[in-house]
Amino acid sequence: MTALYNWVFAPFQYGFMQSALFASIVIAMTCGVIGSYVVLRRLAFIGDALAHTALPGVVVAYLNGWNLFGGALAAGVMTALGIGWMARKSTLREDTAIGVIFTAMFALGIVLMSGTQSFRDLSHILFGNILGVDRTDVLLISSVAVAVLIVLVLLHKELELASFDSIQAEVMGIHTDFLRTTLLVLLAFTVVTGIQVVGVILTSALLVTPAATASLLTRDLRSMMIYAATIGACSAILGLIISFHYAVSTGATIVLICTGFFAFAVVIQRMRQNRTELS
């Protein structure tokens, strides 16, 4: 028992692990909550798109000596607004608009990166650097998370109705276009913040997988958000502990644990279906 206790708590005697723990839990829970809307609206591709479209903003900020988070956030918000405008003003479907802007912005980022002297300087953007998070980063991540969650709480009823039945929402006078754009901007803030934790490549998994897991366990949106946030937080804690002891990538470990929870939920759902068929 003592050995297990030491194995679990030993990593967190270090200050950098404490900062990493707090930051990863905050962003994982935020991704779980807003990811529930992403799963309901079938926008799983949006997290990956916003994560990749932040790349040119990061490179521009890096080349000019600006704040990398600010550059990524500017590019992410511009992308979100562009997707919302294109989906609203053209005959294109939202997923098509995402695909067009995503590929263009990511290609721009690659072109800009090719002009830098070393790709290693930007590798933490691609793969994340949660163990390098300091108190300033923690404050920034917490501020963004609180702001995103406050807006989601204020717009919860409207977003819930628009997610399940957008036509009825419009009939009731709810501006679904405004809600869509607002949700995309909130996603941009969340994704850009998540890049610091798990990087561009794995942010979309943290946004989608816990929420997808929760959707297999419940159909109630509030319960789904609670489950997704809990799964994300547990994955973050276990990922930090395992990566510390076995010296493997923290971000990738967190995502793999999320995937493990998803596989477990699939098994549970299948068992429920079998019981229903037998009865």
C-alpha atoms as a PDB file:
ATOM      1  CA  MET A   1       0.000   0.000   0.000  1.00  0.00           C
ATOM      2  CA  THR A   2       2.842   2.349   0.869  1.00  0.00           C
ATOM      3  CA  ALA A   3       4.576   1.541  -2.412  1.00  0.00           C
ATOM      4  CA  LEU A   4       1.413   2.394  -4.366  1.00  0.00           C
ATOM      5  CA  TYR A   5       1.016   5.636  -2.422  1.00  0.00           C
ATOM      6  CA  ASN A   6       4.593   6.639  -3.188  1.00  0.00           C
ATOM      7  CA  TRP A   7       4.197   5.662  -6.850  1.00  0.00           C
ATOM      8  CA  VAL A   8       1.138   7.904  -7.211  1.00  0.00           C
ATOM      9  CA  PHE A   9       2.237  10.921  -5.177  1.00  0.00           C
ATOM     10  CA  ALA A  10       6.020  10.935  -5.581  1.00  0.00           C
ATOM     11  CA  PRO A  11       5.980  12.790  -8.937  1.00  0.00           C
ATOM     12  CA  PHE A  12       4.072  15.709  -7.450  1.00  0.00           C
ATOM     13  CA  GLN A  13       6.680  16.638  -4.895  1.00  0.00           C
ATOM     14  CA  TYR A  14       8.307  18.660  -7.655  1.00  0.00           C
ATOM     15  CA  GLY A  15       7.089  22.152  -8.461  1.00  0.00           C
ATOM     16  CA  PHE A  16       7.060  21.656 -12.229  1.00  0.00           C
ATOM     17  CA  MET A  17       4.895  18.540 -11.842  1.00  0.00           C
ATOM     18  CA  GLN A  18       2.441  20.444  -9.667  1.00  0.00           C
ATOM     19  CA  SER A  19       2.127  23.156 -12.319  1.00  0.00           C
ATOM     20  CA  ALA A  20       1.761  20.514 -15.020  1.00  0.00           C
ATOM     21  CA  LEU A  21      -0.927  18.731 -12.993  1.00  0.00           C
ATOM     22  CA  PHE A  22      -3.021  21.850 -12.460  1.00  0.00           C
ATOM     23  CA  ALA A  23      -2.681  23.027 -16.066  1.00  0.00           C
ATOM     24  CA  SER A  24      -3.479  19.638 -17.571  1.00  0.00           C
ATOM     25  CA  ILE A  25      -6.543  19.122 -15.369  1.00  0.00           C
ATOM     26  CA  VAL A  26      -7.907  22.577 -16.177  1.00  0.00           C
ATOM     27  CA  ILE A  27      -7.507  22.245 -19.942  1.00  0.00           C
ATOM     28  CA  ALA A  28      -8.690  18.616 -19.969  1.00  0.00           C
ATOM     29  CA  MET A  29     -11.889  19.515 -18.107  1.00  0.00           C
ATOM     30  CA  THR A  30     -12.493  22.537 -20.328  1.00  0.00           C
ATOM     31  CA  CYS A  31     -11.989  20.429 -23.449  1.00  0.00           C
ATOM     32  CA  GLY A  32     -14.389  17.847 -22.038  1.00  0.00           C
ATOM     33  CA  VAL A  33     -17.149  20.404 -21.485  1.00  0.00           C
ATOM     34  CA  ILE A  34     -16.907  22.257 -24.793  1.00  0.00           C
ATOM     35  CA  GLY A  35     -16.099  19.008 -26.580  1.00  0.00           C
ATOM     36  CA  SER A  36     -19.585  17.779 -25.711  1.00  0.00           C
ATOM     37  CA  TYR A  37     -20.995  20.408 -28.064  1.00  0.00           C
ATOM     38  CA  VAL A  38     -18.435  19.417 -30.686  1.00  0.00           C
ATOM     39  CA  VAL A  39     -19.559  15.786 -30.549  1.00  0.00           C
ATOM     40  CA  LEU A  40     -23.263  16.682 -30.559  1.00  0.00           C
ATOM     41  CA  ARG A  41     -22.837  18.946 -33.580  1.00  0.00           C
ATOM     42  CA  ARG A  42     -20.627  16.388 -35.341  1.00  0.00           C
ATOM     43  CA  LEU A  43     -17.740  18.822 -35.590  1.00  0.00           C
ATOM     44  CA  ALA A  44     -14.979  16.454 -34.504  1.00  0.00           C
ATOM     45  CA  PHE A  45     -12.811  17.760 -37.339  1.00  0.00           C
ATOM     46  CA  ILE A  46     -12.928  21.329 -36.018  1.00  0.00           C
ATOM     47  CA  GLY A  47     -10.532  20.724 -33.130  1.00  0.00           C
ATOM     48  CA  ASP A  48      -7.889  19.308 -35.427  1.00  0.00           C
ATOM     49  CA  ALA A  49      -8.459  22.125 -37.909  1.00  0.00           C
ATOM     50  CA  LEU A  50      -8.176  24.926 -35.344  1.00  0.00           C
ATOM     51  CA  ALA A  51      -5.081  23.344 -33.810  1.00  0.00           C
ATOM     52  CA  HIS A  52      -3.323  23.200 -37.159  1.00  0.00           C
ATOM     53  CA  THR A  53      -4.446  26.638 -38.318  1.00  0.00           C
ATOM     54  CA  ALA A  54      -2.812  28.149 -35.246  1.00  0.00           C
ATOM     55  CA  LEU A  55       0.549  27.177 -36.726  1.00  0.00           C
ATOM     56  CA  PRO A  56       1.070  30.202 -39.026  1.00  0.00           C
ATOM     57  CA  GLY A  57       0.229  32.554 -36.155  1.00  0.00           C
ATOM     58  CA  VAL A  58       2.827  30.820 -34.000  1.00  0.00           C
ATOM     59  CA  VAL A  59       5.491  31.028 -36.703  1.00  0.00           C
ATOM     60  CA  VAL A  60       4.806  34.717 -37.411  1.00  0.00           C
ATOM     61  CA  ALA A  61       4.994  35.482 -33.686  1.00  0.00           C
ATOM     62  CA  TYR A  62       8.227  33.472 -33.379  1.00  0.00           C
ATOM     63  CA  LEU A  63       9.891  35.227 -36.306  1.00  0.00           C
ATOM     64  CA  ASN A  64       9.001  38.662 -34.915  1.00  0.00           C
ATOM     65  CA  GLY A  65       9.817  37.897 -31.286  1.00  0.00           C
ATOM     66  CA  TRP A  66       6.194  38.202 -30.178  1.00  0.00           C
ATOM     67  CA  ASN A  67       4.294  36.100 -27.664  1.00  0.00           C
ATOM     68  CA  LEU A  68       3.654  32.672 -29.219  1.00  0.00           C
ATOM     69  CA  PHE A  69       0.346  32.200 -27.419  1.00  0.00           C
ATOM     70  CA  GLY A  70      -0.893  35.540 -28.742  1.00  0.00           C
ATOM     71  CA  GLY A  71       0.086  34.608 -32.289  1.00  0.00           C
ATOM     72  CA  ALA A  72      -1.620  31.226 -32.063  1.00  0.00           C
ATOM     73  CA  LEU A  73      -4.740  32.788 -30.536  1.00  0.00           C
ATOM     74  CA  ALA A  74      -4.980  35.437 -33.259  1.00  0.00           C
ATOM     75  CA  ALA A  75      -4.702  32.820 -35.998  1.00  0.00           C
ATOM     76  CA  GLY A  76      -7.208  30.532 -34.253  1.00  0.00           C
ATOM     77  CA  VAL A  77      -9.812  33.256 -33.797  1.00  0.00           C
ATOM     78  CA  MET A  78      -9.379  34.456 -37.391  1.00  0.00           C
ATOM     79  CA  THR A  79      -9.895  30.879 -38.568  1.00  0.00           C
ATOM     80  CA  ALA A  80     -13.014  30.448 -36.430  1.00  0.00           C
ATOM     81  CA  LEU A  81     -14.519  33.680 -37.748  1.00  0.00           C
ATOM     82  CA  GLY A  82     -13.589  32.721 -41.297  1.00  0.00           C
ATOM     83  CA  ILE A  83     -15.242  29.324 -40.995  1.00  0.00           C
ATOM     84  CA  GLY A  84     -18.375  30.888 -39.524  1.00  0.00           C
ATOM     85  CA  TRP A  85     -18.542  33.536 -42.249  1.00  0.00           C
ATOM     86  CA  MET A  86     -17.952  31.077 -45.080  1.00  0.00           C
ATOM     87  CA  ALA A  87     -20.550  28.632 -43.785  1.00  0.00           C
ATOM     88  CA  ARG A  88     -23.081  31.462 -43.366  1.00  0.00           C
ATOM     89  CA  LYS A  89     -22.496  33.395 -46.590  1.00  0.00           C
ATOM     90  CA  SER A  90     -21.855  30.585 -49.067  1.00  0.00           C
ATOM     91  CA  THR A  91     -23.586  27.393 -50.107  1.00  0.00           C
ATOM     92  CA  LEU A  92     -20.742  25.331 -48.660  1.00  0.00           C
ATOM     93  CA  ARG A  93     -21.370  23.032 -45.738  1.00  0.00           C
ATOM     94  CA  GLU A  94     -19.551  23.822 -42.510  1.00  0.00           C
ATOM     95  CA  ASP A  95     -17.259  20.788 -42.753  1.00  0.00           C
ATOM     96  CA  THR A  96     -16.268  21.826 -46.285  1.00  0.00           C
ATOM     97  CA  ALA A  97     -15.443  25.354 -45.134  1.00  0.00           C
ATOM     98  CA  ILE A  98     -13.352  23.877 -42.327  1.00  0.00           C
ATOM     99  CA  GLY A  99     -11.449  21.691 -44.792  1.00  0.00           C
ATOM    100  CA  VAL A 100     -10.664  24.579 -47.150  1.00  0.00           C
ATOM    101  CA  ILE A 101      -9.444  27.003 -44.481  1.00  0.00           C
ATOM    102  CA  PHE A 102      -7.667  24.282 -42.488  1.00  0.00           C
ATOM    103  CA  THR A 103      -5.503  23.114 -45.385  1.00  0.00           C
ATOM    104  CA  ALA A 104      -4.731  26.657 -46.532  1.00  0.00           C
ATOM    105  CA  MET A 105      -3.670  27.888 -43.090  1.00  0.00           C
ATOM    106  CA  PHE A 106      -1.646  24.790 -42.305  1.00  0.00           C
ATOM    107  CA  ALA A 107       0.136  25.030 -45.654  1.00  0.00           C
ATOM    108  CA  LEU A 108       0.912  28.684 -44.900  1.00  0.00           C
ATOM    109  CA  GLY A 109       2.360  27.633 -41.563  1.00  0.00           C
ATOM    110  CA  ILE A 110       4.589  25.019 -43.223  1.00  0.00           C
ATOM    111  CA  VAL A 111       5.819  27.572 -45.765  1.00  0.00           C
ATOM    112  CA  LEU A 112       6.656  30.026 -42.988  1.00  0.00           C
ATOM    113  CA  MET A 113       8.327  27.299 -40.931  1.00  0.00           C
ATOM    114  CA  SER A 114      10.523  26.348 -43.888  1.00  0.00           C
ATOM    115  CA  GLY A 115      12.062  29.810 -43.683  1.00  0.00           C
ATOM    116  CA  THR A 116      13.190  29.356 -40.071  1.00  0.00           C
ATOM    117  CA  GLN A 117      16.641  28.055 -39.235  1.00  0.00           C
ATOM    118  CA  SER A 118      15.448  25.137 -37.150  1.00  0.00           C
ATOM    119  CA  PHE A 119      12.214  23.198 -36.852  1.00  0.00           C
ATOM    120  CA  ARG A 120      13.267  22.184 -33.350  1.00  0.00           C
ATOM    121  CA  ASP A 121      12.539  25.683 -32.077  1.00  0.00           C
ATOM    122  CA  LEU A 122       8.861  25.083 -32.808  1.00  0.00           C
ATOM    123  CA  SER A 123       8.683  21.382 -31.940  1.00  0.00           C
ATOM    124  CA  HIS A 124       6.978  22.090 -28.595  1.00  0.00           C
ATOM    125  CA  ILE A 125       4.067  23.602 -30.538  1.00  0.00           C
ATOM    126  CA  LEU A 126       3.639  20.347 -32.450  1.00  0.00           C
ATOM    127  CA  PHE A 127       4.060  17.954 -29.518  1.00  0.00           C
ATOM    128  CA  GLY A 128       3.342  20.064 -26.442  1.00  0.00           C
ATOM    129  CA  ASN A 129       5.495  20.807 -23.414  1.00  0.00           C
ATOM    130  CA  ILE A 130       3.303  20.395 -20.354  1.00  0.00           C
ATOM    131  CA  LEU A 131       6.314  19.841 -18.084  1.00  0.00           C
ATOM    132  CA  GLY A 132       7.616  23.268 -19.089  1.00  0.00           C
ATOM    133  CA  VAL A 133       4.486  25.100 -17.964  1.00  0.00           C
ATOM    134  CA  ASP A 134       5.253  27.774 -15.363  1.00  0.00           C
ATOM    135  CA  ARG A 135       3.021  29.780 -13.037  1.00  0.00           C
ATOM    136  CA  THR A 136       2.417  32.457 -15.659  1.00  0.00           C
ATOM    137  CA  ASP A 137       1.208  29.801 -18.091  1.00  0.00           C
ATOM    138  CA  VAL A 138      -0.998  28.285 -15.414  1.00  0.00           C
ATOM    139  CA  LEU A 139      -2.591  31.681 -14.748  1.00  0.00           C
ATOM    140  CA  LEU A 140      -3.179  32.213 -18.469  1.00  0.00           C
ATOM    141  CA  ILE A 141      -4.648  28.736 -18.960  1.00  0.00           C
ATOM    142  CA  SER A 142      -6.904  29.174 -15.929  1.00  0.00           C
ATOM    143  CA  SER A 143      -8.111  32.604 -17.093  1.00  0.00           C
ATOM    144  CA  VAL A 144      -9.004  31.293 -20.547  1.00  0.00           C
ATOM    145  CA  ALA A 145     -10.742  28.240 -19.080  1.00  0.00           C
ATOM    146  CA  VAL A 146     -12.827  30.339 -16.672  1.00  0.00           C
ATOM    147  CA  ALA A 147     -13.817  32.766 -19.446  1.00  0.00           C
ATOM    148  CA  VAL A 148     -14.827  29.932 -21.789  1.00  0.00           C
ATOM    149  CA  LEU A 149     -16.843  28.131 -19.107  1.00  0.00           C
ATOM    150  CA  ILE A 150     -18.641  31.325 -18.059  1.00  0.00           C
ATOM    151  CA  VAL A 151     -19.785  31.977 -21.637  1.00  0.00           C
ATOM    152  CA  LEU A 152     -20.882  28.348 -22.009  1.00  0.00           C
ATOM    153  CA  VAL A 153     -22.939  28.590 -18.806  1.00  0.00           C
ATOM    154  CA  LEU A 154     -24.596  31.834 -19.937  1.00  0.00           C
ATOM    155  CA  LEU A 155     -25.478  30.384 -23.358  1.00  0.00           C
ATOM    156  CA  HIS A 156     -26.124  26.816 -22.245  1.00  0.00           C
ATOM    157  CA  LYS A 157     -29.871  26.663 -22.973  1.00  0.00           C
ATOM    158  CA  GLU A 158     -29.510  28.265 -26.404  1.00  0.00           C
ATOM    159  CA  LEU A 159     -26.518  26.113 -27.354  1.00  0.00           C
ATOM    160  CA  GLU A 160     -28.245  22.952 -26.159  1.00  0.00           C
ATOM    161  CA  LEU A 161     -31.374  23.635 -28.195  1.00  0.00           C
ATOM    162  CA  ALA A 162     -29.407  24.677 -31.289  1.00  0.00           C
ATOM    163  CA  SER A 163     -27.242  21.562 -31.004  1.00  0.00           C
ATOM    164  CA  PHE A 164     -30.216  19.183 -30.872  1.00  0.00           C
ATOM    165  CA  ASP A 165     -32.640  21.042 -33.188  1.00  0.00           C
ATOM    166  CA  SER A 166     -31.342  24.126 -34.977  1.00  0.00           C
ATOM    167  CA  ILE A 167     -34.590  24.604 -36.933  1.00  0.00           C
ATOM    168  CA  GLN A 168     -36.698  24.826 -33.781  1.00  0.00           C
ATOM    169  CA  ALA A 169     -34.134  27.194 -32.291  1.00  0.00           C
ATOM    170  CA  GLU A 170     -34.493  29.517 -35.277  1.00  0.00           C
ATOM    171  CA  VAL A 171     -38.282  29.369 -35.059  1.00  0.00           C
ATOM    172  CA  MET A 172     -38.016  30.435 -31.416  1.00  0.00           C
ATOM    173  CA  GLY A 173     -35.971  33.471 -32.452  1.00  0.00           C
ATOM    174  CA  ILE A 174     -32.545  32.202 -31.429  1.00  0.00           C
ATOM    175  CA  HIS A 175     -29.732  33.473 -33.650  1.00  0.00           C
ATOM    176  CA  THR A 176     -28.090  30.168 -34.540  1.00  0.00           C
ATOM    177  CA  ASP A 177     -25.455  31.829 -36.736  1.00  0.00           C
ATOM    178  CA  PHE A 178     -24.299  33.924 -33.791  1.00  0.00           C
ATOM    179  CA  LEU A 179     -24.228  30.853 -31.559  1.00  0.00           C
ATOM    180  CA  ARG A 180     -22.207  28.914 -34.148  1.00  0.00           C
ATOM    181  CA  THR A 181     -19.651  31.690 -34.461  1.00  0.00           C
ATOM    182  CA  THR A 182     -19.454  32.124 -30.679  1.00  0.00           C
ATOM    183  CA  LEU A 183     -18.887  28.405 -30.208  1.00  0.00           C
ATOM    184  CA  LEU A 184     -16.158  28.410 -32.865  1.00  0.00           C
ATOM    185  CA  VAL A 185     -14.386  31.326 -31.164  1.00  0.00           C
ATOM    186  CA  LEU A 186     -14.596  29.585 -27.782  1.00  0.00           C
ATOM    187  CA  LEU A 187     -13.178  26.470 -29.425  1.00  0.00           C
ATOM    188  CA  ALA A 188     -10.321  28.540 -30.804  1.00  0.00           C
ATOM    189  CA  PHE A 189      -9.460  29.820 -27.320  1.00  0.00           C
ATOM    190  CA  THR A 190      -9.678  26.304 -25.867  1.00  0.00           C
ATOM    191  CA  VAL A 191      -7.643  24.670 -28.613  1.00  0.00           C
ATOM    192  CA  VAL A 192      -4.889  27.273 -28.575  1.00  0.00           C
ATOM    193  CA  THR A 193      -4.647  26.890 -24.794  1.00  0.00           C
ATOM    194  CA  GLY A 194      -4.567  23.118 -25.172  1.00  0.00           C
ATOM    195  CA  ILE A 195      -1.636  23.357 -27.564  1.00  0.00           C
ATOM    196  CA  GLN A 196       0.588  24.213 -24.598  1.00  0.00           C
ATOM    197  CA  VAL A 197      -0.467  20.979 -22.902  1.00  0.00           C
ATOM    198  CA  VAL A 198      -0.425  18.328 -25.623  1.00  0.00           C
ATOM    199  CA  GLY A 199       0.584  20.236 -28.758  1.00  0.00           C
ATOM    200  CA  VAL A 200      -1.047  20.710 -32.152  1.00  0.00           C
ATOM    201  CA  ILE A 201      -1.091  17.049 -33.084  1.00  0.00           C
ATOM    202  CA  LEU A 202      -2.916  15.740 -30.003  1.00  0.00           C
ATOM    203  CA  THR A 203      -5.183  18.641 -29.024  1.00  0.00           C
ATOM    204  CA  SER A 204      -8.095  17.429 -31.157  1.00  0.00           C
ATOM    205  CA  ALA A 205      -8.002  14.039 -29.417  1.00  0.00           C
ATOM    206  CA  LEU A 206      -8.276  15.673 -25.990  1.00  0.00           C
ATOM    207  CA  LEU A 207     -11.190  17.742 -27.290  1.00  0.00           C
ATOM    208  CA  VAL A 208     -13.115  14.858 -28.862  1.00  0.00           C
ATOM    209  CA  THR A 209     -12.242  11.552 -27.168  1.00  0.00           C
ATOM    210  CA  PRO A 210     -13.473  12.271 -23.591  1.00  0.00           C
ATOM    211  CA  ALA A 211     -16.723  13.745 -24.950  1.00  0.00           C
ATOM    212  CA  ALA A 212     -17.181  10.815 -27.337  1.00  0.00           C
ATOM    213  CA  THR A 213     -16.648   8.442 -24.416  1.00  0.00           C
ATOM    214  CA  ALA A 214     -19.227  10.297 -22.334  1.00  0.00           C
ATOM    215  CA  SER A 215     -21.726  10.168 -25.207  1.00  0.00           C
ATOM    216  CA  LEU A 216     -21.613   6.360 -25.009  1.00  0.00           C
ATOM    217  CA  LEU A 217     -22.500   6.456 -21.321  1.00  0.00           C
ATOM    218  CA  THR A 218     -25.338   9.011 -21.275  1.00  0.00           C
ATOM    219  CA  ARG A 219     -27.641  11.001 -23.534  1.00  0.00           C
ATOM    220  CA  ASP A 220     -28.181  13.844 -21.089  1.00  0.00           C
ATOM    221  CA  LEU A 221     -26.003  16.824 -22.062  1.00  0.00           C
ATOM    222  CA  ARG A 222     -25.171  17.958 -18.534  1.00  0.00           C
ATOM    223  CA  SER A 223     -24.239  14.435 -17.472  1.00  0.00           C
ATOM    224  CA  MET A 224     -22.231  14.103 -20.644  1.00  0.00           C
ATOM    225  CA  MET A 225     -20.249  17.235 -19.780  1.00  0.00           C
ATOM    226  CA  ILE A 226     -19.585  16.001 -16.243  1.00  0.00           C
ATOM    227  CA  TYR A 227     -18.447  12.587 -17.488  1.00  0.00           C
ATOM    228  CA  ALA A 228     -16.263  14.114 -20.203  1.00  0.00           C
ATOM    229  CA  ALA A 229     -14.619  16.546 -17.781  1.00  0.00           C
ATOM    230  CA  THR A 230     -14.015  13.739 -15.267  1.00  0.00           C
ATOM    231  CA  ILE A 231     -12.557  11.424 -17.908  1.00  0.00           C
ATOM    232  CA  GLY A 232     -10.287  14.191 -19.164  1.00  0.00           C
ATOM    233  CA  ALA A 233      -9.072  15.047 -15.657  1.00  0.00           C
ATOM    234  CA  CYS A 234      -8.431  11.397 -14.737  1.00  0.00           C
ATOM    235  CA  SER A 235      -6.561  10.877 -18.007  1.00  0.00           C
ATOM    236  CA  ALA A 236      -4.405  13.926 -17.279  1.00  0.00           C
ATOM    237  CA  ILE A 237      -3.527  12.713 -13.783  1.00  0.00           C
ATOM    238  CA  LEU A 238      -2.741   9.150 -14.868  1.00  0.00           C
ATOM    239  CA  GLY A 239      -0.849  10.389 -17.920  1.00  0.00           C
ATOM    240  CA  LEU A 240       1.410  12.574 -15.806  1.00  0.00           C
ATOM    241  CA  ILE A 241       2.132   9.799 -13.321  1.00  0.00           C
ATOM    242  CA  ILE A 242       2.864   7.151 -15.956  1.00  0.00           C
ATOM    243  CA  SER A 243       4.971   9.442 -18.146  1.00  0.00           C
ATOM    244  CA  PHE A 244       7.008  10.506 -15.106  1.00  0.00           C
ATOM    245  CA  HIS A 245       7.863   6.967 -14.051  1.00  0.00           C
ATOM    246  CA  TYR A 246       8.482   5.566 -17.536  1.00  0.00           C
ATOM    247  CA  ALA A 247      10.005   8.687 -19.153  1.00  0.00           C
ATOM    248  CA  VAL A 248       7.623   8.800 -22.128  1.00  0.00           C
ATOM    249  CA  SER A 249       5.752  11.646 -23.829  1.00  0.00           C
ATOM    250  CA  THR A 250       3.243  13.159 -21.404  1.00  0.00           C
ATOM    251  CA  GLY A 251       0.799  14.506 -23.985  1.00  0.00           C
ATOM    252  CA  ALA A 252       0.685  11.261 -25.955  1.00  0.00           C
ATOM    253  CA  THR A 253       0.240   9.248 -22.752  1.00  0.00           C
ATOM    254  CA  ILE A 254      -2.721  11.407 -21.707  1.00  0.00           C
ATOM    255  CA  VAL A 255      -4.401  10.886 -25.072  1.00  0.00           C
ATOM    256  CA  LEU A 256      -3.767   7.115 -25.032  1.00  0.00           C
ATOM    257  CA  ILE A 257      -5.386   6.874 -21.606  1.00  0.00           C
ATOM    258  CA  CYS A 258      -8.366   8.830 -22.954  1.00  0.00           C
ATOM    259  CA  THR A 259      -8.560   6.283 -25.754  1.00  0.00           C
ATOM    260  CA  GLY A 260      -8.448   3.483 -23.192  1.00  0.00           C
ATOM    261  CA  PHE A 261     -11.467   4.992 -21.420  1.00  0.00           C
ATOM    262  CA  PHE A 262     -13.228   5.184 -24.792  1.00  0.00           C
ATOM    263  CA  ALA A 263     -12.554   1.504 -25.499  1.00  0.00           C
ATOM    264  CA  PHE A 264     -13.881   0.622 -22.029  1.00  0.00           C
ATOM    265  CA  ALA A 265     -17.048   2.633 -22.698  1.00  0.00           C
ATOM    266  CA  VAL A 266     -17.544   0.819 -26.006  1.00  0.00           C
ATOM    267  CA  VAL A 267     -17.367  -2.509 -24.170  1.00  0.00           C
ATOM    268  CA  ILE A 268     -19.885  -1.319 -21.569  1.00  0.00           C
ATOM    269  CA  GLN A 269     -22.271  -0.104 -24.253  1.00  0.00           C
ATOM    270  CA  ARG A 270     -21.985  -3.420 -26.089  1.00  0.00           C
ATOM    271  CA  MET A 271     -22.755  -5.338 -22.901  1.00  0.00           C
ATOM    272  CA  ARG A 272     -25.848  -3.180 -22.361  1.00  0.00           C
ATOM    273  CA  GLN A 273     -27.020  -3.868 -25.887  1.00  0.00           C
ATOM    274  CA  ASN A 274     -26.555  -7.609 -25.418  1.00  0.00           C
ATOM    275  CA  ARG A 275     -28.571  -7.537 -22.186  1.00  0.00           C
ATOM    276  CA  THR A 276     -31.343  -5.591 -23.930  1.00  0.00           C
ATOM    277  CA  GLU A 277     -31.463  -8.081 -26.809  1.00  0.00           C
ATOM    278  CA  LEU A 278     -31.565 -11.058 -24.425  1.00  0.00           C
ATOM    279  CA  SER A 279     -34.393  -9.543 -22.391  1.00  0.00           C
END
